[in-house]
PDB file of N, CA and C in Angstrom:
ATOM      1  N   UNK A   1     -28.290-180.201 112.690  1.00  0.00           N
ATOM      2  CA  UNK A   1     -28.571-180.377 111.283  1.00  0.00           C
ATOM      3  C   UNK A   1     -28.039-181.733 110.821  1.00  0.00           C
ATOM      4  N   UNK A   2     -28.855-182.482 110.114  1.00  0.00           N
ATOM      5  CA  UNK A   2     -28.476-183.801 109.639  1.00  0.00           C
ATOM      6  C   UNK A   2     -27.720-183.673 108.312  1.00  0.00           C
ATOM      7  N   UNK A   3     -26.566-184.333 108.243  1.00  0.00           N
ATOM      8  CA  UNK A   3     -25.792-184.339 107.003  1.00  0.00           C
ATOM      9  C   UNK A   3     -26.514-185.183 105.962  1.00  0.00           C
ATOM     10  N   UNK A   4     -26.262-184.888 104.715  1.00  0.00           N
ATOM     11  CA  UNK A   4     -26.877-185.660 103.641  1.00  0.00           C
ATOM     12  C   UNK A   4     -25.803-186.224 102.726  1.00  0.00           C
ATOM     13  N   UNK A   5     -26.130-187.332 102.124  1.00  0.00           N
ATOM     14  CA  UNK A   5     -25.261-187.962 101.142  1.00  0.00           C
ATOM     15  C   UNK A   5     -26.133-188.424  99.987  1.00  0.00           C
ATOM     16  N   UNK A   6     -25.874-187.879  98.833  1.00  0.00           N
ATOM     17  CA  UNK A   6     -26.599-188.264  97.633  1.00  0.00           C
ATOM     18  C   UNK A   6     -25.725-189.216  96.828  1.00  0.00           C
ATOM     19  N   UNK A   7     -26.146-190.464  96.756  1.00  0.00           N
ATOM     20  CA  UNK A   7     -25.398-191.467  96.000  1.00  0.00           C
ATOM     21  C   UNK A   7     -26.007-191.604  94.609  1.00  0.00           C
ATOM     22  N   UNK A   8     -25.146-191.714  93.619  1.00  0.00           N
ATOM     23  CA  UNK A   8     -25.587-191.977  92.258  1.00  0.00           C
ATOM     24  C   UNK A   8     -24.812-193.182  91.755  1.00  0.00           C
ATOM     25  N   UNK A   9     -25.537-194.217  91.380  1.00  0.00           N
ATOM     26  CA  UNK A   9     -24.925-195.408  90.809  1.00  0.00           C
ATOM     27  C   UNK A   9     -25.132-195.352  89.298  1.00  0.00           C
ATOM     28  N   UNK A  10     -24.036-195.253  88.588  1.00  0.00           N
ATOM     29  CA  UNK A  10     -24.077-195.219  87.128  1.00  0.00           C
ATOM     30  C   UNK A  10     -23.832-196.643  86.653  1.00  0.00           C
ATOM     31  N   UNK A  11     -24.788-197.164  85.909  1.00  0.00           N
ATOM     32  CA  UNK A  11     -24.756-198.576  85.539  1.00  0.00           C
ATOM     33  C   UNK A  11     -25.350-198.773  84.156  1.00  0.00           C
ATOM     34  N   UNK A  12     -25.584-200.029  83.820  1.00  0.00           N
ATOM     35  CA  UNK A  12     -26.348-200.358  82.616  1.00  0.00           C
ATOM     36  C   UNK A  12     -26.988-201.720  82.822  1.00  0.00           C
ATOM     37  N   UNK A  13     -28.086-201.980  82.147  1.00  0.00           N
ATOM     38  CA  UNK A  13     -28.763-203.266  82.275  1.00  0.00           C
ATOM     39  C   UNK A  13     -27.859-204.415  81.806  1.00  0.00           C
ATOM     40  N   UNK A  14     -27.978-205.551  82.491  1.00  0.00           N
ATOM     41  CA  UNK A  14     -27.228-206.737  82.099  1.00  0.00           C
ATOM     42  C   UNK A  14     -25.781-206.754  82.556  1.00  0.00           C
ATOM     43  N   UNK A  15     -25.396-205.823  83.391  1.00  0.00           N
ATOM     44  CA  UNK A  15     -24.014-205.715  83.880  1.00  0.00           C
ATOM     45  C   UNK A  15     -23.928-206.394  85.247  1.00  0.00           C
ATOM     46  N   UNK A  16     -23.211-207.520  85.326  1.00  0.00           N
ATOM     47  CA  UNK A  16     -23.144-208.243  86.600  1.00  0.00           C
ATOM     48  C   UNK A  16     -22.388-207.452  87.665  1.00  0.00           C
ATOM     49  N   UNK A  17     -21.393-206.666  87.278  1.00  0.00           N
ATOM     50  CA  UNK A  17     -20.703-205.831  88.260  1.00  0.00           C
ATOM     51  C   UNK A  17     -21.650-204.760  88.810  1.00  0.00           C
ATOM     52  N   UNK A  18     -22.541-204.272  87.958  1.00  0.00           N
ATOM     53  CA  UNK A  18     -23.541-203.285  88.383  1.00  0.00           C
ATOM     54  C   UNK A  18     -24.499-203.911  89.396  1.00  0.00           C
ATOM     55  N   UNK A  19     -24.898-205.139  89.138  1.00  0.00           N
ATOM     56  CA  UNK A  19     -25.772-205.855  90.073  1.00  0.00           C
ATOM     57  C   UNK A  19     -25.084-206.024  91.419  1.00  0.00           C
ATOM     58  N   UNK A  20     -23.800-206.399  91.379  1.00  0.00           N
ATOM     59  CA  UNK A  20     -23.031-206.552  92.623  1.00  0.00           C
ATOM     60  C   UNK A  20     -22.917-205.223  93.358  1.00  0.00           C
ATOM     61  N   UNK A  21     -22.626-204.156  92.617  1.00  0.00           N
ATOM     62  CA  UNK A  21     -22.479-202.832  93.226  1.00  0.00           C
ATOM     63  C   UNK A  21     -23.780-202.391  93.873  1.00  0.00           C
ATOM     64  N   UNK A  22     -24.895-202.582  93.193  1.00  0.00           N
ATOM     65  CA  UNK A  22     -26.201-202.212  93.724  1.00  0.00           C
ATOM     66  C   UNK A  22     -26.470-202.928  95.047  1.00  0.00           C
ATOM     67  N   UNK A  23     -26.127-204.203  95.100  1.00  0.00           N
ATOM     68  CA  UNK A  23     -26.325-204.992  96.313  1.00  0.00           C
ATOM     69  C   UNK A  23     -25.477-204.441  97.468  1.00  0.00           C
ATOM     70  N   UNK A  24     -24.207-204.139  97.184  1.00  0.00           N
ATOM     71  CA  UNK A  24     -23.313-203.604  98.218  1.00  0.00           C
ATOM     72  C   UNK A  24     -23.814-202.247  98.698  1.00  0.00           C
ATOM     73  N   UNK A  25     -24.155-201.367  97.778  1.00  0.00           N
ATOM     74  CA  UNK A  25     -24.613-200.024  98.141  1.00  0.00           C
ATOM     75  C   UNK A  25     -25.889-200.099  98.980  1.00  0.00           C
ATOM     76  N   UNK A  26     -26.817-200.929  98.575  1.00  0.00           N
ATOM     77  CA  UNK A  26     -28.073-201.074  99.314  1.00  0.00           C
ATOM     78  C   UNK A  26     -27.822-201.611 100.719  1.00  0.00           C
ATOM     79  N   UNK A  27     -26.963-202.595 100.828  1.00  0.00           N
ATOM     80  CA  UNK A  27     -26.647-203.173 102.140  1.00  0.00           C
ATOM     81  C   UNK A  27     -25.973-202.138 103.042  1.00  0.00           C
ATOM     82  N   UNK A  28     -25.005-201.408 102.493  1.00  0.00           N
ATOM     83  CA  UNK A  28     -24.306-200.394 103.287  1.00  0.00           C
ATOM     84  C   UNK A  28     -25.269-199.286 103.714  1.00  0.00           C
ATOM     85  N   UNK A  29     -26.135-198.866 102.824  1.00  0.00           N
ATOM     86  CA  UNK A  29     -27.116-197.836 103.176  1.00  0.00           C
ATOM     87  C   UNK A  29     -27.977-198.291 104.352  1.00  0.00           C
ATOM     88  N   UNK A  30     -28.417-199.532 104.338  1.00  0.00           N
ATOM     89  CA  UNK A  30     -29.234-200.075 105.419  1.00  0.00           C
ATOM     90  C   UNK A  30     -28.456-200.100 106.731  1.00  0.00           C
ATOM     91  N   UNK A  31     -27.210-200.559 106.668  1.00  0.00           N
ATOM     92  CA  UNK A  31     -26.389-200.646 107.876  1.00  0.00           C
ATOM     93  C   UNK A  31     -26.061-199.263 108.434  1.00  0.00           C
ATOM     94  N   UNK A  32     -25.717-198.343 107.560  1.00  0.00           N
ATOM     95  CA  UNK A  32     -25.347-196.997 108.006  1.00  0.00           C
ATOM     96  C   UNK A  32     -26.558-196.268 108.583  1.00  0.00           C
ATOM     97  N   UNK A  33     -27.711-196.428 107.953  1.00  0.00           N
ATOM     98  CA  UNK A  33     -28.902-195.710 108.424  1.00  0.00           C
ATOM     99  C   UNK A  33     -29.325-196.144 109.823  1.00  0.00           C
ATOM    100  N   UNK A  34     -28.882-197.298 110.278  1.00  0.00           N
ATOM    101  CA  UNK A  34     -29.220-197.779 111.617  1.00  0.00           C
ATOM    102  C   UNK A  34     -28.383-197.094 112.699  1.00  0.00           C
ATOM    103  N   UNK A  35     -27.361-196.372 112.310  1.00  0.00           N
ATOM    104  CA  UNK A  35     -26.493-195.700 113.276  1.00  0.00           C
ATOM    105  C   UNK A  35     -27.034-194.311 113.597  1.00  0.00           C
ATOM    106  N   UNK A  36     -26.941-193.913 114.862  1.00  0.00           N
ATOM    107  CA  UNK A  36     -27.474-192.608 115.237  1.00  0.00           C
ATOM    108  C   UNK A  36     -26.755-191.434 114.575  1.00  0.00           C
ATOM    109  N   UNK A  37     -25.493-191.600 114.254  1.00  0.00           N
ATOM    110  CA  UNK A  37     -24.709-190.514 113.653  1.00  0.00           C
ATOM    111  C   UNK A  37     -24.778-190.501 112.130  1.00  0.00           C
ATOM    112  N   UNK A  38     -25.612-191.352 111.572  1.00  0.00           N
ATOM    113  CA  UNK A  38     -25.668-191.526 110.115  1.00  0.00           C
ATOM    114  C   UNK A  38     -26.213-190.295 109.400  1.00  0.00           C
ATOM    115  N   UNK A  39     -25.647-190.012 108.228  1.00  0.00           N
ATOM    116  CA  UNK A  39     -26.230-188.965 107.387  1.00  0.00           C
ATOM    117  C   UNK A  39     -27.508-189.486 106.730  1.00  0.00           C
ATOM    118  N   UNK A  40     -28.283-188.588 106.190  1.00  0.00           N
ATOM    119  CA  UNK A  40     -29.468-188.952 105.421  1.00  0.00           C
ATOM    120  C   UNK A  40     -28.976-189.318 104.015  1.00  0.00           C
ATOM    121  N   UNK A  41     -29.093-190.603 103.652  1.00  0.00           N
ATOM    122  CA  UNK A  41     -28.523-191.096 102.396  1.00  0.00           C
ATOM    123  C   UNK A  41     -29.640-191.419 101.405  1.00  0.00           C
ATOM    124  N   UNK A  42     -29.480-190.919 100.177  1.00  0.00           N
ATOM    125  CA  UNK A  42     -30.403-191.250  99.096  1.00  0.00           C
ATOM    126  C   UNK A  42     -29.606-191.888  97.963  1.00  0.00           C
ATOM    127  N   UNK A  43     -30.292-192.687  97.171  1.00  0.00           N
ATOM    128  CA  UNK A  43     -29.653-193.369  96.044  1.00  0.00           C
ATOM    129  C   UNK A  43     -30.475-193.150  94.786  1.00  0.00           C
ATOM    130  N   UNK A  44     -29.766-192.781  93.726  1.00  0.00           N
ATOM    131  CA  UNK A  44     -30.361-192.642  92.407  1.00  0.00           C
ATOM    132  C   UNK A  44     -29.521-193.501  91.469  1.00  0.00           C
ATOM    133  N   UNK A  45     -30.166-194.293  90.647  1.00  0.00           N
ATOM    134  CA  UNK A  45     -29.436-195.110  89.682  1.00  0.00           C
ATOM    135  C   UNK A  45     -29.714-194.591  88.278  1.00  0.00           C
ATOM    136  N   UNK A  46     -28.642-194.442  87.506  1.00  0.00           N
ATOM    137  CA  UNK A  46     -28.736-193.897  86.159  1.00  0.00           C
ATOM    138  C   UNK A  46     -28.045-194.859  85.200  1.00  0.00           C
ATOM    139  N   UNK A  47     -28.688-195.146  84.087  1.00  0.00           N
ATOM    140  CA  UNK A  47     -28.110-196.024  83.074  1.00  0.00           C
ATOM    141  C   UNK A  47     -27.329-195.205  82.052  1.00  0.00           C
ATOM    142  N   UNK A  48     -26.152-195.690  81.693  1.00  0.00           N
ATOM    143  CA  UNK A  48     -25.377-195.001  80.655  1.00  0.00           C
ATOM    144  C   UNK A  48     -26.064-195.111  79.302  1.00  0.00           C
ATOM    145  N   UNK A  49     -27.020-196.028  79.173  1.00  0.00           N
ATOM    146  CA  UNK A  49     -27.742-196.170  77.910  1.00  0.00           C
ATOM    147  C   UNK A  49     -28.757-195.045  77.703  1.00  0.00           C
ATOM    148  N   UNK A  50     -29.089-194.348  78.791  1.00  0.00           N
ATOM    149  CA  UNK A  50     -30.072-193.268  78.720  1.00  0.00           C
ATOM    150  C   UNK A  50     -29.439-191.880  78.653  1.00  0.00           C
ATOM    151  N   UNK A  51     -28.116-191.806  78.719  1.00  0.00           N
ATOM    152  CA  UNK A  51     -27.445-190.511  78.763  1.00  0.00           C
ATOM    153  C   UNK A  51     -26.136-190.599  77.974  1.00  0.00           C
ATOM    154  N   UNK A  52     -26.093-189.934  76.832  1.00  0.00           N
ATOM    155  CA  UNK A  52     -24.926-190.009  75.947  1.00  0.00           C
ATOM    156  C   UNK A  52     -23.660-189.483  76.623  1.00  0.00           C
ATOM    157  N   UNK A  53     -23.784-188.431  77.425  1.00  0.00           N
ATOM    158  CA  UNK A  53     -22.608-187.888  78.107  1.00  0.00           C
ATOM    159  C   UNK A  53     -22.051-188.880  79.120  1.00  0.00           C
ATOM    160  N   UNK A  54     -22.932-189.500  79.901  1.00  0.00           N
ATOM    161  CA  UNK A  54     -22.477-190.510  80.859  1.00  0.00           C
ATOM    162  C   UNK A  54     -21.855-191.686  80.128  1.00  0.00           C
ATOM    163  N   UNK A  55     -22.455-192.089  79.022  1.00  0.00           N
ATOM    164  CA  UNK A  55     -21.912-193.195  78.240  1.00  0.00           C
ATOM    165  C   UNK A  55     -20.507-192.870  77.763  1.00  0.00           C
ATOM    166  N   UNK A  56     -20.337-191.682  77.190  1.00  0.00           N
ATOM    167  CA  UNK A  56     -19.023-191.291  76.682  1.00  0.00           C
ATOM    168  C   UNK A  56     -17.978-191.227  77.792  1.00  0.00           C
ATOM    169  N   UNK A  57     -18.394-190.778  78.952  1.00  0.00           N
ATOM    170  CA  UNK A  57     -17.440-190.593  80.050  1.00  0.00           C
ATOM    171  C   UNK A  57     -17.137-191.883  80.816  1.00  0.00           C
ATOM    172  N   UNK A  58     -18.151-192.729  81.031  1.00  0.00           N
ATOM    173  CA  UNK A  58     -17.987-193.863  81.947  1.00  0.00           C
ATOM    174  C   UNK A  58     -18.167-195.249  81.326  1.00  0.00           C
ATOM    175  N   UNK A  59     -18.309-195.365  80.032  1.00  0.00           N
ATOM    176  CA  UNK A  59     -18.618-196.651  79.403  1.00  0.00           C
ATOM    177  C   UNK A  59     -17.653-197.767  79.801  1.00  0.00           C
ATOM    178  N   UNK A  60     -16.389-197.443  79.990  1.00  0.00           N
ATOM    179  CA  UNK A  60     -15.387-198.463  80.322  1.00  0.00           C
ATOM    180  C   UNK A  60     -15.180-198.629  81.824  1.00  0.00           C
ATOM    181  N   UNK A  61     -15.893-197.869  82.637  1.00  0.00           N
ATOM    182  CA  UNK A  61     -15.645-197.892  84.079  1.00  0.00           C
ATOM    183  C   UNK A  61     -16.842-198.361  84.903  1.00  0.00           C
ATOM    184  N   UNK A  62     -17.983-198.619  84.284  1.00  0.00           N
ATOM    185  CA  UNK A  62     -19.166-198.940  85.073  1.00  0.00           C
ATOM    186  C   UNK A  62     -19.001-200.260  85.820  1.00  0.00           C
ATOM    187  N   UNK A  63     -19.640-200.360  86.954  1.00  0.00           N
ATOM    188  CA  UNK A  63     -20.435-199.349  87.613  1.00  0.00           C
ATOM    189  C   UNK A  63     -19.556-198.268  88.234  1.00  0.00           C
ATOM    190  N   UNK A  64     -20.107-197.070  88.310  1.00  0.00           N
ATOM    191  CA  UNK A  64     -19.440-195.937  88.955  1.00  0.00           C
ATOM    192  C   UNK A  64     -20.366-195.455  90.061  1.00  0.00           C
ATOM    193  N   UNK A  65     -19.797-195.228  91.238  1.00  0.00           N
ATOM    194  CA  UNK A  65     -20.579-194.691  92.345  1.00  0.00           C
ATOM    195  C   UNK A  65     -20.101-193.283  92.655  1.00  0.00           C
ATOM    196  N   UNK A  66     -21.039-192.346  92.621  1.00  0.00           N
ATOM    197  CA  UNK A  66     -20.758-190.957  92.983  1.00  0.00           C
ATOM    198  C   UNK A  66     -21.346-190.691  94.363  1.00  0.00           C
ATOM    199  N   UNK A  67     -20.624-189.928  95.159  1.00  0.00           N
ATOM    200  CA  UNK A  67     -21.149-189.427  96.426  1.00  0.00           C
ATOM    201  C   UNK A  67     -21.170-187.914  96.308  1.00  0.00           C
ATOM    202  N   UNK A  68     -22.363-187.360  96.399  1.00  0.00           N
ATOM    203  CA  UNK A  68     -22.549-185.921  96.258  1.00  0.00           C
ATOM    204  C   UNK A  68     -21.888-185.389  94.982  1.00  0.00           C
ATOM    205  N   UNK A  69     -22.044-186.159  93.902  1.00  0.00           N
ATOM    206  CA  UNK A  69     -21.569-185.732  92.596  1.00  0.00           C
ATOM    207  C   UNK A  69     -20.113-185.997  92.295  1.00  0.00           C
ATOM    208  N   UNK A  70     -19.393-186.562  93.240  1.00  0.00           N
ATOM    209  CA  UNK A  70     -17.962-186.854  93.033  1.00  0.00           C
ATOM    210  C   UNK A  70     -17.743-188.361  92.984  1.00  0.00           C
ATOM    211  N   UNK A  71     -16.851-188.788  92.095  1.00  0.00           N
ATOM    212  CA  UNK A  71     -16.579-190.225  91.965  1.00  0.00           C
ATOM    213  C   UNK A  71     -16.007-190.751  93.271  1.00  0.00           C
ATOM    214  N   UNK A  72     -16.667-191.773  93.788  1.00  0.00           N
ATOM    215  CA  UNK A  72     -16.178-192.467  94.981  1.00  0.00           C
ATOM    216  C   UNK A  72     -15.400-193.710  94.575  1.00  0.00           C
ATOM    217  N   UNK A  73     -15.962-194.459  93.617  1.00  0.00           N
ATOM    218  CA  UNK A  73     -15.337-195.715  93.204  1.00  0.00           C
ATOM    219  C   UNK A  73     -15.947-196.175  91.897  1.00  0.00           C
ATOM    220  N   UNK A  74     -15.276-197.095  91.239  1.00  0.00           N
ATOM    221  CA  UNK A  74     -15.821-197.721  90.049  1.00  0.00           C
ATOM    222  C   UNK A  74     -15.421-199.181  90.020  1.00  0.00           C
ATOM    223  N   UNK A  75     -16.073-199.942  89.177  1.00  0.00           N
ATOM    224  CA  UNK A  75     -15.969-201.390  89.018  1.00  0.00           C
ATOM    225  C   UNK A  75     -16.489-202.151  90.225  1.00  0.00           C
ATOM    226  N   UNK A  76     -15.738-202.194  91.296  1.00  0.00           N
ATOM    227  CA  UNK A  76     -16.165-202.925  92.493  1.00  0.00           C
ATOM    228  C   UNK A  76     -16.261-201.951  93.659  1.00  0.00           C
ATOM    229  N   UNK A  77     -17.361-202.023  94.379  1.00  0.00           N
ATOM    230  CA  UNK A  77     -17.597-201.124  95.507  1.00  0.00           C
ATOM    231  C   UNK A  77     -17.208-201.850  96.790  1.00  0.00           C
ATOM    232  N   UNK A  78     -16.251-201.282  97.505  1.00  0.00           N
ATOM    233  CA  UNK A  78     -15.800-201.862  98.762  1.00  0.00           C
ATOM    234  C   UNK A  78     -16.732-201.380  99.878  1.00  0.00           C
ATOM    235  N   UNK A  79     -17.406-202.308 100.566  1.00  0.00           N
ATOM    236  CA  UNK A  79     -18.376-201.891 101.582  1.00  0.00           C
ATOM    237  C   UNK A  79     -17.748-201.122 102.749  1.00  0.00           C
ATOM    238  N   UNK A  80     -16.571-201.497 103.168  1.00  0.00           N
ATOM    239  CA  UNK A  80     -15.913-200.803 104.283  1.00  0.00           C
ATOM    240  C   UNK A  80     -15.551-199.377 103.887  1.00  0.00           C
ATOM    241  N   UNK A  81     -15.027-199.219 102.712  1.00  0.00           N
ATOM    242  CA  UNK A  81     -14.649-197.882 102.233  1.00  0.00           C
ATOM    243  C   UNK A  81     -15.885-196.991 102.080  1.00  0.00           C
ATOM    244  N   UNK A  82     -16.975-197.552 101.561  1.00  0.00           N
ATOM    245  CA  UNK A  82     -18.206-196.784 101.401  1.00  0.00           C
ATOM    246  C   UNK A  82     -18.785-196.402 102.761  1.00  0.00           C
ATOM    247  N   UNK A  83     -18.811-197.327 103.690  1.00  0.00           N
ATOM    248  CA  UNK A  83     -19.301-197.037 105.043  1.00  0.00           C
ATOM    249  C   UNK A  83     -18.511-195.898 105.671  1.00  0.00           C
ATOM    250  N   UNK A  84     -17.197-195.984 105.579  1.00  0.00           N
ATOM    251  CA  UNK A  84     -16.334-194.942 106.133  1.00  0.00           C
ATOM    252  C   UNK A  84     -16.622-193.585 105.489  1.00  0.00           C
ATOM    253  N   UNK A  85     -16.748-193.566 104.166  1.00  0.00           N
ATOM    254  CA  UNK A  85     -17.009-192.313 103.460  1.00  0.00           C
ATOM    255  C   UNK A  85     -18.336-191.703 103.889  1.00  0.00           C
ATOM    256  N   UNK A  86     -19.358-192.526 104.054  1.00  0.00           N
ATOM    257  CA  UNK A  86     -20.662-192.010 104.457  1.00  0.00           C
ATOM    258  C   UNK A  86     -20.645-191.481 105.878  1.00  0.00           C
ATOM    259  N   UNK A  87     -19.998-192.198 106.772  1.00  0.00           N
ATOM    260  CA  UNK A  87     -19.966-191.761 108.169  1.00  0.00           C
ATOM    261  C   UNK A  87     -19.097-190.518 108.345  1.00  0.00           C
ATOM    262  N   UNK A  88     -18.128-190.315 107.478  1.00  0.00           N
ATOM    263  CA  UNK A  88     -17.310-189.105 107.547  1.00  0.00           C
ATOM    264  C   UNK A  88     -18.116-187.864 107.177  1.00  0.00           C
ATOM    265  N   UNK A  89     -19.212-188.046 106.457  1.00  0.00           N
ATOM    266  CA  UNK A  89     -20.075-186.912 106.092  1.00  0.00           C
ATOM    267  C   UNK A  89     -20.958-186.465 107.242  1.00  0.00           C
ATOM    268  N   UNK A  90     -21.127-187.359 108.221  1.00  0.00           N
ATOM    269  CA  UNK A  90     -22.025-187.062 109.352  1.00  0.00           C
ATOM    270  C   UNK A  90     -21.461-185.981 110.255  1.00  0.00           C
TER     271      UNK A  90
END
């Protein structure tokens, strides 16, 4: 059975840290998916401008990256830490 990892990037338009996070997450997903032991990883991006609850909760912390619904990191996404977290799910 293949493990799965559902990533959610909580961001907002015009946020340079969000742009950086998106780039890191996309790169890590590509690198991890090339490994035979990799989990099946999906990414969904949600804007805090479209969800009042997310805005109230994360407005000062974006970007926020969730893995399977749990906060993995916020502000800056460390590629090594994200890679390790994804491979640990496999």
